[in-house]
Every structure is written in C-alpha cells, then in structure tokens.
Amino acid sequence: MRRDALAAGLAAVCLWGLAPVATRAAVGQLSPLPLLLIRLAAASLVLLPWAVPVFRALRPRSAGRLLAAGLLGLVGYNLPVTLGLRYLPAATAGLLLATEPVWVLVLGRLFLGEHVSVVMIGGGLLIVSGVAVASTGRRPPVKIEPRDAAGCSPLRSRPRAVRRADTARGDAAWHRGRHPRRVLAGAV
C-alpha cells in the first residue's frame, strides 16, 4: 500500500509539473478560453463518477456557492495563468506558480483573519527565496564543495575575479528583456 501511495503521489507531481508545459504548447493552437473549456470538460468527465453523489447531497444554497467558487477559479486563476502562458516560457510560469502557497498565506490572513505562525512565515520566505534563486538562472555566489556539505570546511565565496567577470558579462536573457523579474516589473 505504501508503494501505491508513493506511485500515486509521484504521478500527481509529474502531472502537476506537466500542466504549464502542456498548456504552453496548447495555447499556441487555441485561444485561452476554449482551451480552458476543453480542459475543464475533460476533467469533469473523469471526475463525474465521484461528483454525482456529492451533487445529489448538495442543498441549493451550497450549489450556488460551489458554482460561484468554480467561476471565480476559472476567471480569477485559470484564465490569467493560461493567458500568461502565451507570453512566458513554461519554466518561468512554473516558478511563478510555485509562489502560490505564499499568496494563500497572505490572502488568508488579510481576508479571512487566519492565524499565521512564525513557521508559516519562515516557509513562505523559503519559497520566495527558492523561486528567486531558480529564476536568476545563475550559479549561487557561494561555491559549495562536497567537503563543505560534510561540515569539514567553511563556505568560501567565489574569487573576486570570477564575480567581476559574471557582472561584466551579464546575463544575455536579462538584456533581451526576458528575465522573469523584468517581466514582473513590466506587468505591475
């Protein structure tokens, strides 16, 4: 049973990671809204056997809320993501989507008054810093060797000449205007 759960989790993670790539490929052929309707219709057909008993037990008021949440998710989340994938590479979109837990944390606090612990804030900072490091496309400024990871020697910074060369050379993607930070700055 444990292997089945692990296999199911691995399959879910692979499919989750494939979503921006597949959407980026499909959005070149279809407009975002028809693409979303096809995607949601396919998902609805797959989930229909499990949804029928739930729908039978719904009261009219709950059904209205469920419909409103579905429409809000479609228009407020899926449509902007699909539109963004027309202009951003799938890898960049994936990195931006990785910040979703931070947004849930912040918006839950602002609108629902949910409690935010120090551990949650630390996790959010780790997420943001991980996305920032991954989005630069450069090596970290600290050289880590196997003996450093084992705790045998202190971490050393890269030599000054290497740092100067990296700064002078710059990142070609940055100068072409395709760097994620520049895209975000232009969107705001």
C-alpha atoms as a PDB file:
ATOM      1  CA  MET A   1       0.000   0.000   0.000  1.00  0.00           C
ATOM      2  CA  ARG A   2       2.848   2.396   0.749  1.00  0.00           C
ATOM      3  CA  ARG A   3       4.299   1.883  -2.733  1.00  0.00           C
ATOM      4  CA  ASP A   4       0.902   2.561  -4.269  1.00  0.00           C
ATOM      5  CA  ALA A   5       0.636   5.836  -2.365  1.00  0.00           C
ATOM      6  CA  LEU A   6       4.164   6.796  -3.375  1.00  0.00           C
ATOM      7  CA  ALA A   7       3.460   5.964  -7.022  1.00  0.00           C
ATOM      8  CA  ALA A   8       0.209   7.947  -6.940  1.00  0.00           C
ATOM      9  CA  GLY A   9       1.979  10.918  -5.358  1.00  0.00           C
ATOM     10  CA  LEU A  10       4.776  10.767  -7.933  1.00  0.00           C
ATOM     11  CA  ALA A  11       2.244  10.598 -10.770  1.00  0.00           C
ATOM     12  CA  ALA A  12       0.363  13.593  -9.346  1.00  0.00           C
ATOM     13  CA  VAL A  13       3.573  15.630  -9.052  1.00  0.00           C
ATOM     14  CA  CYS A  14       4.585  14.747 -12.630  1.00  0.00           C
ATOM     15  CA  LEU A  15       1.168  15.704 -13.985  1.00  0.00           C
ATOM     16  CA  TRP A  16       1.173  18.906 -11.925  1.00  0.00           C
ATOM     17  CA  GLY A  17       4.579  19.815 -13.380  1.00  0.00           C
ATOM     18  CA  LEU A  18       3.407  18.919 -16.867  1.00  0.00           C
ATOM     19  CA  ALA A  19       0.429  21.296 -16.705  1.00  0.00           C
ATOM     20  CA  PRO A  20       2.314  24.537 -17.549  1.00  0.00           C
ATOM     21  CA  VAL A  21       4.261  22.778 -20.321  1.00  0.00           C
ATOM     22  CA  ALA A  22       1.149  21.236 -21.886  1.00  0.00           C
ATOM     23  CA  THR A  23      -0.810  24.473 -21.534  1.00  0.00           C
ATOM     24  CA  ARG A  24       2.041  26.452 -23.140  1.00  0.00           C
ATOM     25  CA  ALA A  25       2.078  24.013 -26.066  1.00  0.00           C
ATOM     26  CA  ALA A  26      -1.712  24.069 -26.474  1.00  0.00           C
ATOM     27  CA  VAL A  27      -2.155  27.832 -26.091  1.00  0.00           C
ATOM     28  CA  GLY A  28      -0.229  28.271 -29.346  1.00  0.00           C
ATOM     29  CA  GLN A  29      -3.001  26.393 -31.159  1.00  0.00           C
ATOM     30  CA  LEU A  30      -6.132  27.523 -29.302  1.00  0.00           C
ATOM     31  CA  SER A  31      -7.313  30.679 -27.595  1.00  0.00           C
ATOM     32  CA  PRO A  32      -7.137  30.509 -23.807  1.00  0.00           C
ATOM     33  CA  LEU A  33     -10.875  30.360 -23.090  1.00  0.00           C
ATOM     34  CA  PRO A  34     -11.737  27.463 -25.476  1.00  0.00           C
ATOM     35  CA  LEU A  35      -8.646  25.659 -24.194  1.00  0.00           C
ATOM     36  CA  LEU A  36      -9.869  26.045 -20.613  1.00  0.00           C
ATOM     37  CA  LEU A  37     -13.349  24.866 -21.501  1.00  0.00           C
ATOM     38  CA  ILE A  38     -11.950  21.726 -23.165  1.00  0.00           C
ATOM     39  CA  ARG A  39      -9.635  21.103 -20.198  1.00  0.00           C
ATOM     40  CA  LEU A  40     -12.421  21.540 -17.646  1.00  0.00           C
ATOM     41  CA  ALA A  41     -14.866  19.414 -19.658  1.00  0.00           C
ATOM     42  CA  ALA A  42     -12.323  16.579 -19.807  1.00  0.00           C
ATOM     43  CA  ALA A  43     -11.630  16.851 -16.073  1.00  0.00           C
ATOM     44  CA  SER A  44     -15.375  16.932 -15.339  1.00  0.00           C
ATOM     45  CA  LEU A  45     -15.938  13.738 -17.297  1.00  0.00           C
ATOM     46  CA  VAL A  46     -13.126  11.976 -15.440  1.00  0.00           C
ATOM     47  CA  LEU A  47     -14.409  13.128 -12.030  1.00  0.00           C
ATOM     48  CA  LEU A  48     -18.123  12.618 -12.799  1.00  0.00           C
ATOM     49  CA  PRO A  49     -18.451   9.211 -11.062  1.00  0.00           C
ATOM     50  CA  TRP A  50     -17.247  10.762  -7.782  1.00  0.00           C
ATOM     51  CA  ALA A  51     -19.137  14.020  -8.258  1.00  0.00           C
ATOM     52  CA  VAL A  52     -22.638  12.576  -8.755  1.00  0.00           C
ATOM     53  CA  PRO A  53     -23.135  11.522  -5.095  1.00  0.00           C
ATOM     54  CA  VAL A  54     -21.806  14.874  -3.899  1.00  0.00           C
ATOM     55  CA  PHE A  55     -24.146  16.825  -6.177  1.00  0.00           C
ATOM     56  CA  ARG A  56     -27.135  14.788  -5.020  1.00  0.00           C
ATOM     57  CA  ALA A  57     -26.425  15.739  -1.407  1.00  0.00           C
ATOM     58  CA  LEU A  58     -25.988  19.475  -2.125  1.00  0.00           C
ATOM     59  CA  ARG A  59     -28.551  21.969  -0.932  1.00  0.00           C
ATOM     60  CA  PRO A  60     -29.446  24.772  -3.374  1.00  0.00           C
ATOM     61  CA  ARG A  61     -27.562  27.386  -1.349  1.00  0.00           C
ATOM     62  CA  SER A  62     -24.405  25.247  -1.303  1.00  0.00           C
ATOM     63  CA  ALA A  63     -24.752  24.560  -5.019  1.00  0.00           C
ATOM     64  CA  GLY A  64     -24.797  28.302  -5.712  1.00  0.00           C
ATOM     65  CA  ARG A  65     -21.659  28.796  -3.649  1.00  0.00           C
ATOM     66  CA  LEU A  66     -19.966  25.898  -5.424  1.00  0.00           C
ATOM     67  CA  LEU A  67     -20.868  27.391  -8.806  1.00  0.00           C
ATOM     68  CA  ALA A  68     -19.582  30.819  -7.751  1.00  0.00           C
ATOM     69  CA  ALA A  69     -16.307  29.307  -6.487  1.00  0.00           C
ATOM     70  CA  GLY A  70     -15.900  27.398  -9.753  1.00  0.00           C
ATOM     71  CA  LEU A  71     -16.470  30.500 -11.866  1.00  0.00           C
ATOM     72  CA  LEU A  72     -14.120  32.535  -9.686  1.00  0.00           C
ATOM     73  CA  GLY A  73     -11.452  29.827 -10.020  1.00  0.00           C
ATOM     74  CA  LEU A  74     -11.896  29.777 -13.786  1.00  0.00           C
ATOM     75  CA  VAL A  75     -11.878  33.543 -14.328  1.00  0.00           C
ATOM     76  CA  GLY A  76      -9.630  34.569 -11.442  1.00  0.00           C
ATOM     77  CA  TYR A  77      -6.978  31.854 -11.628  1.00  0.00           C
ATOM     78  CA  ASN A  78      -7.014  29.512 -14.630  1.00  0.00           C
ATOM     79  CA  LEU A  79      -7.723  32.123 -17.283  1.00  0.00           C
ATOM     80  CA  PRO A  80      -4.938  34.532 -16.191  1.00  0.00           C
ATOM     81  CA  VAL A  81      -2.472  31.625 -15.934  1.00  0.00           C
ATOM     82  CA  THR A  82      -3.384  30.424 -19.411  1.00  0.00           C
ATOM     83  CA  LEU A  83      -3.152  33.965 -20.799  1.00  0.00           C
ATOM     84  CA  GLY A  84       0.233  34.397 -19.152  1.00  0.00           C
ATOM     85  CA  LEU A  85       1.498  31.180 -20.722  1.00  0.00           C
ATOM     86  CA  ARG A  86       1.009  32.781 -24.129  1.00  0.00           C
ATOM     87  CA  TYR A  87       3.822  35.200 -23.320  1.00  0.00           C
ATOM     88  CA  LEU A  88       6.007  33.465 -20.720  1.00  0.00           C
ATOM     89  CA  PRO A  89       8.045  30.291 -21.051  1.00  0.00           C
ATOM     90  CA  ALA A  90       6.577  27.325 -19.182  1.00  0.00           C
ATOM     91  CA  ALA A  91       9.550  27.224 -16.790  1.00  0.00           C
ATOM     92  CA  THR A  92       9.045  30.858 -15.767  1.00  0.00           C
ATOM     93  CA  ALA A  93       5.315  30.333 -15.304  1.00  0.00           C
ATOM     94  CA  GLY A  94       6.036  27.247 -13.220  1.00  0.00           C
ATOM     95  CA  LEU A  95       8.299  29.289 -10.973  1.00  0.00           C
ATOM     96  CA  LEU A  96       5.673  31.986 -10.551  1.00  0.00           C
ATOM     97  CA  LEU A  97       3.039  29.348  -9.779  1.00  0.00           C
ATOM     98  CA  ALA A  98       5.358  27.962  -7.101  1.00  0.00           C
ATOM     99  CA  THR A  99       4.691  31.116  -5.081  1.00  0.00           C
ATOM    100  CA  GLU A 100       1.004  30.184  -4.753  1.00  0.00           C
ATOM    101  CA  PRO A 101       1.286  28.983  -1.129  1.00  0.00           C
ATOM    102  CA  VAL A 102       2.677  32.390  -0.155  1.00  0.00           C
ATOM    103  CA  TRP A 103      -0.282  34.154  -1.753  1.00  0.00           C
ATOM    104  CA  VAL A 104      -2.709  31.807   0.001  1.00  0.00           C
ATOM    105  CA  LEU A 105      -0.983  32.592   3.301  1.00  0.00           C
ATOM    106  CA  VAL A 106      -1.120  36.368   2.776  1.00  0.00           C
ATOM    107  CA  LEU A 107      -4.661  36.495   1.375  1.00  0.00           C
ATOM    108  CA  GLY A 108      -5.969  34.102   4.052  1.00  0.00           C
ATOM    109  CA  ARG A 109      -4.579  36.430   6.700  1.00  0.00           C
ATOM    110  CA  LEU A 110      -5.915  39.600   5.055  1.00  0.00           C
ATOM    111  CA  PHE A 111      -9.407  38.473   4.113  1.00  0.00           C
ATOM    112  CA  LEU A 112     -10.194  35.614   6.491  1.00  0.00           C
ATOM    113  CA  GLY A 113      -8.175  36.656   9.532  1.00  0.00           C
ATOM    114  CA  GLU A 114      -6.420  33.273   9.649  1.00  0.00           C
ATOM    115  CA  HIS A 115      -3.606  32.793  12.127  1.00  0.00           C
ATOM    116  CA  VAL A 116      -0.104  32.948  10.621  1.00  0.00           C
ATOM    117  CA  SER A 117       2.667  31.376  12.677  1.00  0.00           C
ATOM    118  CA  VAL A 118       6.383  32.067  12.602  1.00  0.00           C
ATOM    119  CA  VAL A 119       6.913  28.667  10.961  1.00  0.00           C
ATOM    120  CA  MET A 120       4.492  29.603   8.166  1.00  0.00           C
ATOM    121  CA  ILE A 121       6.298  32.899   7.595  1.00  0.00           C
ATOM    122  CA  GLY A 122       9.626  31.043   7.518  1.00  0.00           C
ATOM    123  CA  GLY A 123       8.238  28.579   4.989  1.00  0.00           C
ATOM    124  CA  GLY A 124       6.960  31.439   2.835  1.00  0.00           C
ATOM    125  CA  LEU A 125      10.354  33.109   2.928  1.00  0.00           C
ATOM    126  CA  LEU A 126      11.993  29.831   1.897  1.00  0.00           C
ATOM    127  CA  ILE A 127       9.580  29.525  -1.027  1.00  0.00           C
ATOM    128  CA  VAL A 128      10.206  33.085  -2.209  1.00  0.00           C
ATOM    129  CA  SER A 129      13.984  32.748  -1.853  1.00  0.00           C
ATOM    130  CA  GLY A 130      13.964  29.417  -3.695  1.00  0.00           C
ATOM    131  CA  VAL A 131      11.972  30.910  -6.559  1.00  0.00           C
ATOM    132  CA  ALA A 132      14.296  33.937  -6.635  1.00  0.00           C
ATOM    133  CA  VAL A 133      17.382  31.719  -6.864  1.00  0.00           C
ATOM    134  CA  ALA A 134      15.811  29.480  -9.507  1.00  0.00           C
ATOM    135  CA  SER A 135      14.627  32.427 -11.598  1.00  0.00           C
ATOM    136  CA  THR A 136      18.044  34.066 -11.893  1.00  0.00           C
ATOM    137  CA  GLY A 137      19.480  31.235 -13.940  1.00  0.00           C
ATOM    138  CA  ARG A 138      22.894  31.912 -12.461  1.00  0.00           C
ATOM    139  CA  ARG A 139      25.084  29.994 -10.064  1.00  0.00           C
ATOM    140  CA  PRO A 140      24.800  30.968  -6.431  1.00  0.00           C
ATOM    141  CA  PRO A 141      27.561  33.320  -5.302  1.00  0.00           C
ATOM    142  CA  VAL A 142      28.869  30.690  -2.878  1.00  0.00           C
ATOM    143  CA  LYS A 143      30.865  27.721  -4.074  1.00  0.00           C
ATOM    144  CA  ILE A 144      29.873  24.585  -2.185  1.00  0.00           C
ATOM    145  CA  GLU A 145      32.118  21.556  -2.425  1.00  0.00           C
ATOM    146  CA  PRO A 146      31.370  18.072  -1.069  1.00  0.00           C
ATOM    147  CA  ARG A 147      33.673  18.611   1.905  1.00  0.00           C
ATOM    148  CA  ASP A 148      31.785  21.846   2.675  1.00  0.00           C
ATOM    149  CA  ALA A 149      28.478  19.968   2.760  1.00  0.00           C
ATOM    150  CA  ALA A 150      30.015  17.457   5.158  1.00  0.00           C
ATOM    151  CA  GLY A 151      30.987  20.276   7.522  1.00  0.00           C
ATOM    152  CA  CYS A 152      34.753  19.900   7.059  1.00  0.00           C
ATOM    153  CA  SER A 153      35.477  23.455   5.963  1.00  0.00           C
ATOM    154  CA  PRO A 154      33.730  26.820   5.985  1.00  0.00           C
ATOM    155  CA  LEU A 155      31.894  28.052   2.909  1.00  0.00           C
ATOM    156  CA  ARG A 156      34.002  30.210   0.654  1.00  0.00           C
ATOM    157  CA  SER A 157      32.835  32.940  -1.677  1.00  0.00           C
ATOM    158  CA  ARG A 158      33.800  32.811  -5.315  1.00  0.00           C
ATOM    159  CA  PRO A 159      37.024  34.630  -6.126  1.00  0.00           C
ATOM    160  CA  ARG A 160      36.655  38.343  -6.801  1.00  0.00           C
ATOM    161  CA  ALA A 161      37.807  37.934 -10.438  1.00  0.00           C
ATOM    162  CA  VAL A 162      35.001  35.427 -11.102  1.00  0.00           C
ATOM    163  CA  ARG A 163      32.413  37.775  -9.558  1.00  0.00           C
ATOM    164  CA  ARG A 164      33.698  40.662 -11.720  1.00  0.00           C
ATOM    165  CA  ALA A 165      33.548  38.507 -14.864  1.00  0.00           C
ATOM    166  CA  ASP A 166      29.967  37.461 -14.099  1.00  0.00           C
ATOM    167  CA  THR A 167      28.951  41.076 -13.517  1.00  0.00           C
ATOM    168  CA  ALA A 168      30.713  42.351 -16.641  1.00  0.00           C
ATOM    169  CA  ARG A 169      29.357  39.580 -18.855  1.00  0.00           C
ATOM    170  CA  GLY A 170      25.834  39.906 -17.534  1.00  0.00           C
ATOM    171  CA  ASP A 171      23.002  37.629 -18.382  1.00  0.00           C
ATOM    172  CA  ALA A 172      22.049  37.617 -22.071  1.00  0.00           C
ATOM    173  CA  ALA A 173      18.424  36.830 -21.262  1.00  0.00           C
ATOM    174  CA  TRP A 174      18.283  39.843 -18.945  1.00  0.00           C
ATOM    175  CA  HIS A 175      19.448  42.186 -21.702  1.00  0.00           C
ATOM    176  CA  ARG A 176      16.936  40.731 -24.167  1.00  0.00           C
ATOM    177  CA  GLY A 177      14.161  41.615 -21.728  1.00  0.00           C
ATOM    178  CA  ARG A 178      13.090  38.030 -20.997  1.00  0.00           C
ATOM    179  CA  HIS A 179      14.170  37.798 -17.410  1.00  0.00           C
ATOM    180  CA  PRO A 180      11.282  36.948 -15.027  1.00  0.00           C
ATOM    181  CA  ARG A 181      11.960  39.938 -12.780  1.00  0.00           C
ATOM    182  CA  ARG A 182      11.771  42.263 -15.756  1.00  0.00           C
ATOM    183  CA  VAL A 183       8.538  40.614 -16.917  1.00  0.00           C
ATOM    184  CA  LEU A 184       7.017  41.067 -13.461  1.00  0.00           C
ATOM    185  CA  ALA A 185       8.187  44.681 -13.284  1.00  0.00           C
ATOM    186  CA  GLY A 186       6.529  45.360 -16.637  1.00  0.00           C
ATOM    187  CA  ALA A 187       3.296  43.731 -15.506  1.00  0.00           C
ATOM    188  CA  VAL A 188       2.939  45.951 -12.440  1.00  0.00           C
END
